[in-house]
Amino acid sequence: WTRQLKFAGISNTSTIYKRGIRVCTGTGLGAALSTC
């Protein structure tokens, strides 16, 4: 089950930038992949 209201995490701040790099290791991919 997930919350109905989703909070804006670090990935949401990617919209501030035009070009960036998401670096992740291991399971950190879960937090990075949607942005890319």
Full PDB file with SEQRES, HELIX, SHEET, SSBOND, CRYST1, ORIGX, SCALE, CONECT and MASTER records, all heavy atoms in Angstrom:
SEQRES   1 A   36  TRP THR ARG GLN LEU LYS PHE ALA GLY ILE SER ASN THR          
SEQRES   2 A   36  SER THR ILE TYR LYS ARG GLY ILE ARG VAL CYS THR GLY          
SEQRES   3 A   36  THR GLY LEU GLY ALA ALA LEU SER THR CYS                      
HELIX    1 AA1 ILE A   10  ILE A   16  5                                   7    
HELIX    2 AA2 GLY A   26  GLY A   28  5                                   3    
HELIX    3 AA3 LEU A   29  ALA A   32  1                                   4    
CRYST1    1.000    1.000    1.000  90.00  90.00  90.00 P 1           1          
ORIGX1      1.000000  0.000000  0.000000        0.00000                         
ORIGX2      0.000000  1.000000  0.000000        0.00000                         
ORIGX3      0.000000  0.000000  1.000000        0.00000                         
SCALE1      1.000000  0.000000  0.000000        0.00000                         
SCALE2      0.000000  1.000000  0.000000        0.00000                         
SCALE3      0.000000  0.000000  1.000000        0.00000                         
ATOM      1  N   TRP A   1       0.851  -1.183   0.000  1.00  0.00           N  
ATOM      2  CA  TRP A   1       0.000   0.000   0.000  1.00  0.00           C  
ATOM      3  C   TRP A   1       0.886   1.232   0.000  1.00  0.00           C  
ATOM      4  O   TRP A   1       1.918   1.261   0.648  1.00  0.00           O  
ATOM      5  CB  TRP A   1      -0.915  -0.003   1.226  1.00  0.00           C  
ATOM      6  CG  TRP A   1      -2.051  -0.948   1.057  1.00  0.00           C  
ATOM      7  CD1 TRP A   1      -3.312  -0.657   0.622  1.00  0.00           C  
ATOM      8  CD2 TRP A   1      -2.030  -2.364   1.294  1.00  0.00           C  
ATOM      9  NE1 TRP A   1      -4.078  -1.791   0.572  1.00  0.00           N  
ATOM     10  CE2 TRP A   1      -3.302  -2.867   0.972  1.00  0.00           C  
ATOM     11  CE3 TRP A   1      -1.067  -3.267   1.722  1.00  0.00           C  
ATOM     12  CZ2 TRP A   1      -3.647  -4.200   1.084  1.00  0.00           C  
ATOM     13  CZ3 TRP A   1      -1.402  -4.606   1.834  1.00  0.00           C  
ATOM     14  CH2 TRP A   1      -2.679  -5.050   1.523  1.00  0.00           C  
ATOM     15  N   THR A   2       0.450   2.234  -0.731  1.00  0.00           N  
ATOM     16  CA  THR A   2       1.204   3.479  -0.783  1.00  0.00           C  
ATOM     17  C   THR A   2       0.305   4.622  -0.316  1.00  0.00           C  
ATOM     18  O   THR A   2      -0.922   4.493  -0.299  1.00  0.00           O  
ATOM     19  CB  THR A   2       1.698   3.783  -2.209  1.00  0.00           C  
ATOM     20  OG1 THR A   2       0.565   3.960  -3.065  1.00  0.00           O  
ATOM     21  CG2 THR A   2       2.579   2.663  -2.732  1.00  0.00           C  
ATOM     22  N   ARG A   3       0.925   5.711   0.049  1.00  0.00           N  
ATOM     23  CA  ARG A   3       0.158   6.890   0.428  1.00  0.00           C  
ATOM     24  C   ARG A   3      -0.578   7.431  -0.790  1.00  0.00           C  
ATOM     25  O   ARG A   3      -0.071   7.384  -1.905  1.00  0.00           O  
ATOM     26  CB  ARG A   3       1.103   7.981   0.940  1.00  0.00           C  
ATOM     27  CG  ARG A   3       1.645   7.696   2.302  1.00  0.00           C  
ATOM     28  CD  ARG A   3       2.802   8.586   2.565  1.00  0.00           C  
ATOM     29  NE  ARG A   3       3.880   8.007   1.756  1.00  0.00           N  
ATOM     30  CZ  ARG A   3       4.959   8.629   1.401  1.00  0.00           C  
ATOM     31  NH1 ARG A   3       5.166   9.844   1.749  1.00  0.00           N  
ATOM     32  NH2 ARG A   3       5.874   8.039   0.684  1.00  0.00           N  
ATOM     33  N   GLN A   4      -1.750   7.960  -0.569  1.00  0.00           N  
ATOM     34  CA  GLN A   4      -2.487   8.563  -1.667  1.00  0.00           C  
ATOM     35  C   GLN A   4      -1.821   9.869  -2.095  1.00  0.00           C  
ATOM     36  O   GLN A   4      -1.705  10.151  -3.270  1.00  0.00           O  
ATOM     37  CB  GLN A   4      -3.931   8.822  -1.271  1.00  0.00           C  
ATOM     38  CG  GLN A   4      -4.760   9.286  -2.450  1.00  0.00           C  
ATOM     39  CD  GLN A   4      -6.235   9.088  -2.199  1.00  0.00           C  
ATOM     40  OE1 GLN A   4      -6.631   8.471  -1.221  1.00  0.00           O  
ATOM     41  NE2 GLN A   4      -7.055   9.605  -3.071  1.00  0.00           N  
ATOM     42  N   LEU A   5      -1.344  10.635  -1.130  1.00  0.00           N  
ATOM     43  CA  LEU A   5      -0.656  11.879  -1.429  1.00  0.00           C  
ATOM     44  C   LEU A   5       0.841  11.593  -1.481  1.00  0.00           C  
ATOM     45  O   LEU A   5       1.415  11.156  -0.495  1.00  0.00           O  
ATOM     46  CB  LEU A   5      -0.964  12.923  -0.346  1.00  0.00           C  
ATOM     47  CG  LEU A   5      -0.313  14.286  -0.530  1.00  0.00           C  
ATOM     48  CD1 LEU A   5      -0.817  14.957  -1.806  1.00  0.00           C  
ATOM     49  CD2 LEU A   5      -0.598  15.157   0.672  1.00  0.00           C  
ATOM     50  N   LYS A   6       1.465  11.813  -2.609  1.00  0.00           N  
ATOM     51  CA  LYS A   6       2.893  11.549  -2.779  1.00  0.00           C  
ATOM     52  C   LYS A   6       3.672  12.830  -2.499  1.00  0.00           C  
ATOM     53  O   LYS A   6       3.291  13.901  -2.937  1.00  0.00           O  
ATOM     54  CB  LYS A   6       3.196  11.092  -4.215  1.00  0.00           C  
ATOM     55  CG  LYS A   6       2.321   9.962  -4.741  1.00  0.00           C  
ATOM     56  CD  LYS A   6       2.520   8.689  -3.972  1.00  0.00           C  
ATOM     57  CE  LYS A   6       1.817   7.540  -4.649  1.00  0.00           C  
ATOM     58  NZ  LYS A   6       0.753   6.962  -3.929  1.00  0.00           N  
ATOM     59  N   PHE A   7       4.755  12.701  -1.770  1.00  0.00           N  
ATOM     60  CA  PHE A   7       5.577  13.881  -1.511  1.00  0.00           C  
ATOM     61  C   PHE A   7       6.617  14.033  -2.621  1.00  0.00           C  
ATOM     62  O   PHE A   7       6.970  13.075  -3.286  1.00  0.00           O  
ATOM     63  CB  PHE A   7       6.247  13.797  -0.133  1.00  0.00           C  
ATOM     64  CG  PHE A   7       7.263  12.697  -0.009  1.00  0.00           C  
ATOM     65  CD1 PHE A   7       8.587  12.935  -0.303  1.00  0.00           C  
ATOM     66  CD2 PHE A   7       6.895  11.424   0.399  1.00  0.00           C  
ATOM     67  CE1 PHE A   7       9.534  11.927  -0.201  1.00  0.00           C  
ATOM     68  CE2 PHE A   7       7.831  10.415   0.510  1.00  0.00           C  
ATOM     69  CZ  PHE A   7       9.154  10.664   0.211  1.00  0.00           C  
ATOM     70  N   ALA A   8       7.070  15.253  -2.794  1.00  0.00           N  
ATOM     71  CA  ALA A   8       8.064  15.539  -3.822  1.00  0.00           C  
ATOM     72  C   ALA A   8       9.450  15.234  -3.257  1.00  0.00           C  
ATOM     73  O   ALA A   8       9.912  15.909  -2.340  1.00  0.00           O  
ATOM     74  CB  ALA A   8       7.974  16.993  -4.253  1.00  0.00           C  
ATOM     75  N   GLY A   9      10.089  14.229  -3.762  1.00  0.00           N  
ATOM     76  CA  GLY A   9      11.423  13.855  -3.308  1.00  0.00           C  
ATOM     77  C   GLY A   9      12.495  14.562  -4.121  1.00  0.00           C  
ATOM     78  O   GLY A   9      12.223  15.457  -4.926  1.00  0.00           O  
ATOM     79  N   ILE A  10      13.727  14.134  -3.917  1.00  0.00           N  
ATOM     80  CA  ILE A  10      14.869  14.752  -4.602  1.00  0.00           C  
ATOM     81  C   ILE A  10      14.719  14.696  -6.120  1.00  0.00           C  
ATOM     82  O   ILE A  10      15.100  15.623  -6.817  1.00  0.00           O  
ATOM     83  CB  ILE A  10      16.209  14.115  -4.143  1.00  0.00           C  
ATOM     84  CG1 ILE A  10      17.414  14.873  -4.706  1.00  0.00           C  
ATOM     85  CG2 ILE A  10      16.288  12.662  -4.527  1.00  0.00           C  
ATOM     86  CD1 ILE A  10      17.630  16.225  -4.140  1.00  0.00           C  
ATOM     87  N   SER A  11      14.134  13.626  -6.627  1.00  0.00           N  
ATOM     88  CA  SER A  11      13.971  13.521  -8.083  1.00  0.00           C  
ATOM     89  C   SER A  11      13.120  14.649  -8.644  1.00  0.00           C  
ATOM     90  O   SER A  11      13.322  15.079  -9.773  1.00  0.00           O  
ATOM     91  CB  SER A  11      13.352  12.172  -8.451  1.00  0.00           C  
ATOM     92  OG  SER A  11      14.237  11.137  -8.119  1.00  0.00           O  
ATOM     93  N   ASN A  12      12.166  15.130  -7.866  1.00  0.00           N  
ATOM     94  CA  ASN A  12      11.306  16.204  -8.332  1.00  0.00           C  
ATOM     95  C   ASN A  12      12.086  17.485  -8.585  1.00  0.00           C  
ATOM     96  O   ASN A  12      11.733  18.276  -9.450  1.00  0.00           O  
ATOM     97  CB  ASN A  12      10.178  16.447  -7.330  1.00  0.00           C  
ATOM     98  CG  ASN A  12       9.101  17.326  -7.894  1.00  0.00           C  
ATOM     99  OD1 ASN A  12       8.570  17.057  -8.962  1.00  0.00           O  
ATOM    100  ND2 ASN A  12       8.785  18.385  -7.194  1.00  0.00           N  
ATOM    101  N   THR A  13      13.172  17.701  -7.838  1.00  0.00           N  
ATOM    102  CA  THR A  13      13.962  18.917  -8.043  1.00  0.00           C  
ATOM    103  C   THR A  13      14.740  18.885  -9.356  1.00  0.00           C  
ATOM    104  O   THR A  13      15.266  19.907  -9.781  1.00  0.00           O  
ATOM    105  CB  THR A  13      14.939  19.148  -6.870  1.00  0.00           C  
ATOM    106  OG1 THR A  13      15.820  18.037  -6.781  1.00  0.00           O  
ATOM    107  CG2 THR A  13      14.198  19.350  -5.568  1.00  0.00           C  
ATOM    108  N   SER A  14      14.787  17.739 -10.010  1.00  0.00           N  
ATOM    109  CA  SER A  14      15.471  17.660 -11.306  1.00  0.00           C  
ATOM    110  C   SER A  14      14.811  18.563 -12.340  1.00  0.00           C  
ATOM    111  O   SER A  14      15.457  18.987 -13.293  1.00  0.00           O  
ATOM    112  CB  SER A  14      15.510  16.218 -11.811  1.00  0.00           C  
ATOM    113  OG  SER A  14      14.193  15.757 -12.089  1.00  0.00           O  
ATOM    114  N   THR A  15      13.546  18.890 -12.137  1.00  0.00           N  
ATOM    115  CA  THR A  15      12.851  19.752 -13.099  1.00  0.00           C  
ATOM    116  C   THR A  15      13.376  21.184 -13.099  1.00  0.00           C  
ATOM    117  O   THR A  15      13.071  21.951 -14.002  1.00  0.00           O  
ATOM    118  CB  THR A  15      11.328  19.754 -12.820  1.00  0.00           C  
ATOM    119  OG1 THR A  15      11.115  20.229 -11.486  1.00  0.00           O  
ATOM    120  CG2 THR A  15      10.740  18.365 -12.965  1.00  0.00           C  
ATOM    121  N   ILE A  16      14.164  21.538 -12.104  1.00  0.00           N  
ATOM    122  CA  ILE A  16      14.759  22.871 -12.036  1.00  0.00           C  
ATOM    123  C   ILE A  16      15.877  23.014 -13.077  1.00  0.00           C  
ATOM    124  O   ILE A  16      16.185  24.114 -13.517  1.00  0.00           O  
ATOM    125  CB  ILE A  16      15.323  23.136 -10.624  1.00  0.00           C  
ATOM    126  CG1 ILE A  16      14.195  23.112  -9.594  1.00  0.00           C  
ATOM    127  CG2 ILE A  16      16.094  24.440 -10.554  1.00  0.00           C  
ATOM    128  CD1 ILE A  16      14.696  23.139  -8.147  1.00  0.00           C  
ATOM    129  N   TYR A  17      16.471  21.893 -13.470  1.00  0.00           N  
ATOM    130  CA  TYR A  17      17.645  21.897 -14.346  1.00  0.00           C  
ATOM    131  C   TYR A  17      17.310  21.353 -15.737  1.00  0.00           C  
ATOM    132  O   TYR A  17      16.463  20.490 -15.887  1.00  0.00           O  
ATOM    133  CB  TYR A  17      18.763  21.047 -13.724  1.00  0.00           C  
ATOM    134  CG  TYR A  17      19.138  21.517 -12.349  1.00  0.00           C  
ATOM    135  CD1 TYR A  17      18.578  20.934 -11.211  1.00  0.00           C  
ATOM    136  CD2 TYR A  17      20.029  22.571 -12.173  1.00  0.00           C  
ATOM    137  CE1 TYR A  17      18.904  21.376  -9.945  1.00  0.00           C  
ATOM    138  CE2 TYR A  17      20.355  23.017 -10.903  1.00  0.00           C  
ATOM    139  CZ  TYR A  17      19.793  22.416  -9.793  1.00  0.00           C  
ATOM    140  OH  TYR A  17      20.111  22.855  -8.536  1.00  0.00           O  
ATOM    141  N   LYS A  18      18.025  21.869 -16.738  1.00  0.00           N  
ATOM    142  CA  LYS A  18      17.833  21.385 -18.108  1.00  0.00           C  
ATOM    143  C   LYS A  18      18.629  20.119 -18.388  1.00  0.00           C  
ATOM    144  O   LYS A  18      18.180  19.241 -19.101  1.00  0.00           O  
ATOM    145  CB  LYS A  18      18.221  22.473 -19.107  1.00  0.00           C  
ATOM    146  CG  LYS A  18      17.277  23.644 -19.097  1.00  0.00           C  
ATOM    147  CD  LYS A  18      17.690  24.680 -20.106  1.00  0.00           C  
ATOM    148  CE  LYS A  18      16.734  25.865 -20.013  1.00  0.00           C  
ATOM    149  NZ  LYS A  18      17.206  27.026 -20.706  1.00  0.00           N  
ATOM    150  N   ARG A  19      19.865  20.063 -17.839  1.00  0.00           N  
ATOM    151  CA  ARG A  19      20.726  18.909 -18.088  1.00  0.00           C  
ATOM    152  C   ARG A  19      21.441  18.525 -16.800  1.00  0.00           C  
ATOM    153  O   ARG A  19      22.032  19.364 -16.139  1.00  0.00           O  
ATOM    154  CB  ARG A  19      21.762  19.215 -19.170  1.00  0.00           C  
ATOM    155  CG  ARG A  19      21.128  19.385 -20.545  1.00  0.00           C  
ATOM    156  CD  ARG A  19      22.156  19.765 -21.578  1.00  0.00           C  
ATOM    157  NE  ARG A  19      22.999  18.673 -22.022  1.00  0.00           N  
ATOM    158  CZ  ARG A  19      22.662  17.767 -22.915  1.00  0.00           C  
ATOM    159  NH1 ARG A  19      21.448  17.766 -23.423  1.00  0.00           N  
ATOM    160  NH2 ARG A  19      23.513  16.842 -23.298  1.00  0.00           N  
ATOM    161  N   GLY A  20      21.374  17.262 -16.489  1.00  0.00           N  
ATOM    162  CA  GLY A  20      22.024  16.809 -15.274  1.00  0.00           C  
ATOM    163  C   GLY A  20      22.456  15.360 -15.369  1.00  0.00           C  
ATOM    164  O   GLY A  20      22.203  14.684 -16.365  1.00  0.00           O  
ATOM    165  N   ILE A  21      23.095  14.919 -14.310  1.00  0.00           N  
ATOM    166  CA  ILE A  21      23.565  13.536 -14.212  1.00  0.00           C  
ATOM    167  C   ILE A  21      22.996  12.939 -12.940  1.00  0.00           C  
ATOM    168  O   ILE A  21      23.068  13.549 -11.871  1.00  0.00           O  
ATOM    169  CB  ILE A  21      25.110  13.482 -14.158  1.00  0.00           C  
ATOM    170  CG1 ILE A  21      25.711  14.076 -15.429  1.00  0.00           C  
ATOM    171  CG2 ILE A  21      25.586  12.044 -13.962  1.00  0.00           C  
ATOM    172  CD1 ILE A  21      27.226  14.245 -15.363  1.00  0.00           C  
ATOM    173  N   ARG A  22      22.413  11.747 -13.055  1.00  0.00           N  
ATOM    174  CA  ARG A  22      21.991  10.970 -11.890  1.00  0.00           C  
ATOM    175  C   ARG A  22      23.007   9.855 -11.723  1.00  0.00           C  
ATOM    176  O   ARG A  22      23.141   8.989 -12.582  1.00  0.00           O  
ATOM    177  CB  ARG A  22      20.602  10.359 -12.092  1.00  0.00           C  
ATOM    178  CG  ARG A  22      19.446  11.328 -11.990  1.00  0.00           C  
ATOM    179  CD  ARG A  22      19.338  12.052 -10.661  1.00  0.00           C  
ATOM    180  NE  ARG A  22      19.407  11.203  -9.492  1.00  0.00           N  
ATOM    181  CZ  ARG A  22      18.407  10.943  -8.675  1.00  0.00           C  
ATOM    182  NH1 ARG A  22      17.225  11.464  -8.890  1.00  0.00           N  
ATOM    183  NH2 ARG A  22      18.579  10.173  -7.623  1.00  0.00           N  
ATOM    184  N   VAL A  23      23.743   9.870 -10.621  1.00  0.00           N  
ATOM    185  CA  VAL A  23      24.726   8.836 -10.306  1.00  0.00           C  
ATOM    186  C   VAL A  23      24.134   7.988  -9.192  1.00  0.00           C  
ATOM    187  O   VAL A  23      23.664   8.527  -8.193  1.00  0.00           O  
ATOM    188  CB  VAL A  23      26.057   9.433  -9.800  1.00  0.00           C  
ATOM    189  CG1 VAL A  23      27.072   8.337  -9.543  1.00  0.00           C  
ATOM    190  CG2 VAL A  23      26.603  10.452 -10.769  1.00  0.00           C  
ATOM    191  N   CYS A  24      24.155   6.684  -9.382  1.00  0.00           N  
ATOM    192  CA  CYS A  24      23.631   5.824  -8.325  1.00  0.00           C  
ATOM    193  C   CYS A  24      24.432   4.535  -8.264  1.00  0.00           C  
ATOM    194  O   CYS A  24      25.065   4.129  -9.236  1.00  0.00           O  
ATOM    195  CB  CYS A  24      22.155   5.523  -8.548  1.00  0.00           C  
ATOM    196  SG  CYS A  24      21.784   4.798 -10.152  1.00  0.00           S  
ATOM    197  N   THR A  25      24.400   3.935  -7.086  1.00  0.00           N  
ATOM    198  CA  THR A  25      25.030   2.642  -6.904  1.00  0.00           C  
ATOM    199  C   THR A  25      23.967   1.678  -6.401  1.00  0.00           C  
ATOM    200  O   THR A  25      23.065   2.062  -5.653  1.00  0.00           O  
ATOM    201  CB  THR A  25      26.200   2.708  -5.897  1.00  0.00           C  
ATOM    202  OG1 THR A  25      25.721   3.180  -4.649  1.00  0.00           O  
ATOM    203  CG2 THR A  25      27.306   3.618  -6.405  1.00  0.00           C  
ATOM    204  N   GLY A  26      24.049   0.432  -6.856  1.00  0.00           N  
ATOM    205  CA  GLY A  26      23.151  -0.618  -6.390  1.00  0.00           C  
ATOM    206  C   GLY A  26      21.687  -0.252  -6.453  1.00  0.00           C  
ATOM    207  O   GLY A  26      21.185   0.227  -7.468  1.00  0.00           O  
ATOM    208  N   THR A  27      20.995  -0.432  -5.325  1.00  0.00           N  
ATOM    209  CA  THR A  27      19.559  -0.169  -5.270  1.00  0.00           C  
ATOM    210  C   THR A  27      19.214   1.309  -5.367  1.00  0.00           C  
ATOM    211  O   THR A  27      18.055   1.663  -5.525  1.00  0.00           O  
ATOM    212  CB  THR A  27      18.935  -0.742  -3.979  1.00  0.00           C  
ATOM    213  OG1 THR A  27      19.596  -0.165  -2.853  1.00  0.00           O  
ATOM    214  CG2 THR A  27      19.036  -2.251  -3.943  1.00  0.00           C  
ATOM    215  N   GLY A  28      20.212   2.181  -5.311  1.00  0.00           N  
ATOM    216  CA  GLY A  28      19.988   3.611  -5.522  1.00  0.00           C  
ATOM    217  C   GLY A  28      19.368   3.890  -6.881  1.00  0.00           C  
ATOM    218  O   GLY A  28      18.818   4.966  -7.116  1.00  0.00           O  
ATOM    219  N   LEU A  29      19.440   2.902  -7.765  1.00  0.00           N  
ATOM    220  CA  LEU A  29      18.810   3.038  -9.077  1.00  0.00           C  
ATOM    221  C   LEU A  29      17.327   3.356  -8.942  1.00  0.00           C  
ATOM    222  O   LEU A  29      16.774   4.106  -9.738  1.00  0.00           O  
ATOM    223  CB  LEU A  29      18.996   1.741  -9.889  1.00  0.00           C  
ATOM    224  CG  LEU A  29      18.378   1.742 -11.273  1.00  0.00           C  
ATOM    225  CD1 LEU A  29      19.124   2.717 -12.190  1.00  0.00           C  
ATOM    226  CD2 LEU A  29      18.385   0.338 -11.864  1.00  0.00           C  
ATOM    227  N   GLY A  30      16.691   2.819  -7.895  1.00  0.00           N  
ATOM    228  CA  GLY A  30      15.265   3.063  -7.697  1.00  0.00           C  
ATOM    229  C   GLY A  30      14.928   4.532  -7.551  1.00  0.00           C  
ATOM    230  O   GLY A  30      13.888   4.986  -8.005  1.00  0.00           O  
ATOM    231  N   ALA A  31      15.808   5.276  -6.940  1.00  0.00           N  
ATOM    232  CA  ALA A  31      15.572   6.705  -6.756  1.00  0.00           C  
ATOM    233  C   ALA A  31      15.970   7.531  -7.975  1.00  0.00           C  
ATOM    234  O   ALA A  31      15.542   8.668  -8.127  1.00  0.00           O  
ATOM    235  CB  ALA A  31      16.345   7.201  -5.537  1.00  0.00           C  
ATOM    236  N   ALA A  32      16.788   6.964  -8.851  1.00  0.00           N  
ATOM    237  CA  ALA A  32      17.358   7.736  -9.962  1.00  0.00           C  
ATOM    238  C   ALA A  32      16.714   7.479 -11.321  1.00  0.00           C  
ATOM    239  O   ALA A  32      16.672   8.363 -12.169  1.00  0.00           O  
ATOM    240  CB  ALA A  32      18.860   7.435 -10.068  1.00  0.00           C  
ATOM    241  N   LEU A  33      16.227   6.281 -11.534  1.00  0.00           N  
ATOM    242  CA  LEU A  33      15.851   5.877 -12.894  1.00  0.00           C  
ATOM    243  C   LEU A  33      14.693   6.662 -13.492  1.00  0.00           C  
ATOM    244  O   LEU A  33      14.733   7.012 -14.669  1.00  0.00           O  
ATOM    245  CB  LEU A  33      15.567   4.369 -12.926  1.00  0.00           C  
ATOM    246  CG  LEU A  33      15.380   3.741 -14.304  1.00  0.00           C  
ATOM    247  CD1 LEU A  33      16.544   4.074 -15.243  1.00  0.00           C  
ATOM    248  CD2 LEU A  33      15.214   2.233 -14.187  1.00  0.00           C  
ATOM    249  N   SER A  34      13.667   6.965 -12.712  1.00  0.00           N  
ATOM    250  CA  SER A  34      12.517   7.690 -13.274  1.00  0.00           C  
ATOM    251  C   SER A  34      12.931   9.029 -13.884  1.00  0.00           C  
ATOM    252  O   SER A  34      12.420   9.423 -14.925  1.00  0.00           O  
ATOM    253  CB  SER A  34      11.446   7.928 -12.211  1.00  0.00           C  
ATOM    254  OG  SER A  34      10.825   6.720 -11.874  1.00  0.00           O  
ATOM    255  N   THR A  35      13.845   9.732 -13.221  1.00  0.00           N  
ATOM    256  CA  THR A  35      14.311  11.015 -13.743  1.00  0.00           C  
ATOM    257  C   THR A  35      14.872  10.844 -15.146  1.00  0.00           C  
ATOM    258  O   THR A  35      14.558  11.622 -16.053  1.00  0.00           O  
ATOM    259  CB  THR A  35      15.393  11.612 -12.816  1.00  0.00           C  
ATOM    260  OG1 THR A  35      14.834  11.820 -11.524  1.00  0.00           O  
ATOM    261  CG2 THR A  35      15.923  12.925 -13.361  1.00  0.00           C  
ATOM    262  N   CYS A  36      15.702   9.830 -15.330  1.00  0.00           N  
ATOM    263  CA  CYS A  36      16.357   9.624 -16.629  1.00  0.00           C  
ATOM    264  C   CYS A  36      15.406   9.054 -17.685  1.00  0.00           C  
ATOM    265  O   CYS A  36      15.558   9.330 -18.872  1.00  0.00           O  
ATOM    266  CB  CYS A  36      17.572   8.717 -16.451  1.00  0.00           C  
ATOM    267  SG  CYS A  36      18.827   9.440 -15.379  1.00  0.00           S  
TER     268      CYS A  36                                                      
MASTER        0    0    0    3    0    0    0    6  267    1    0    3          
END                                                                             
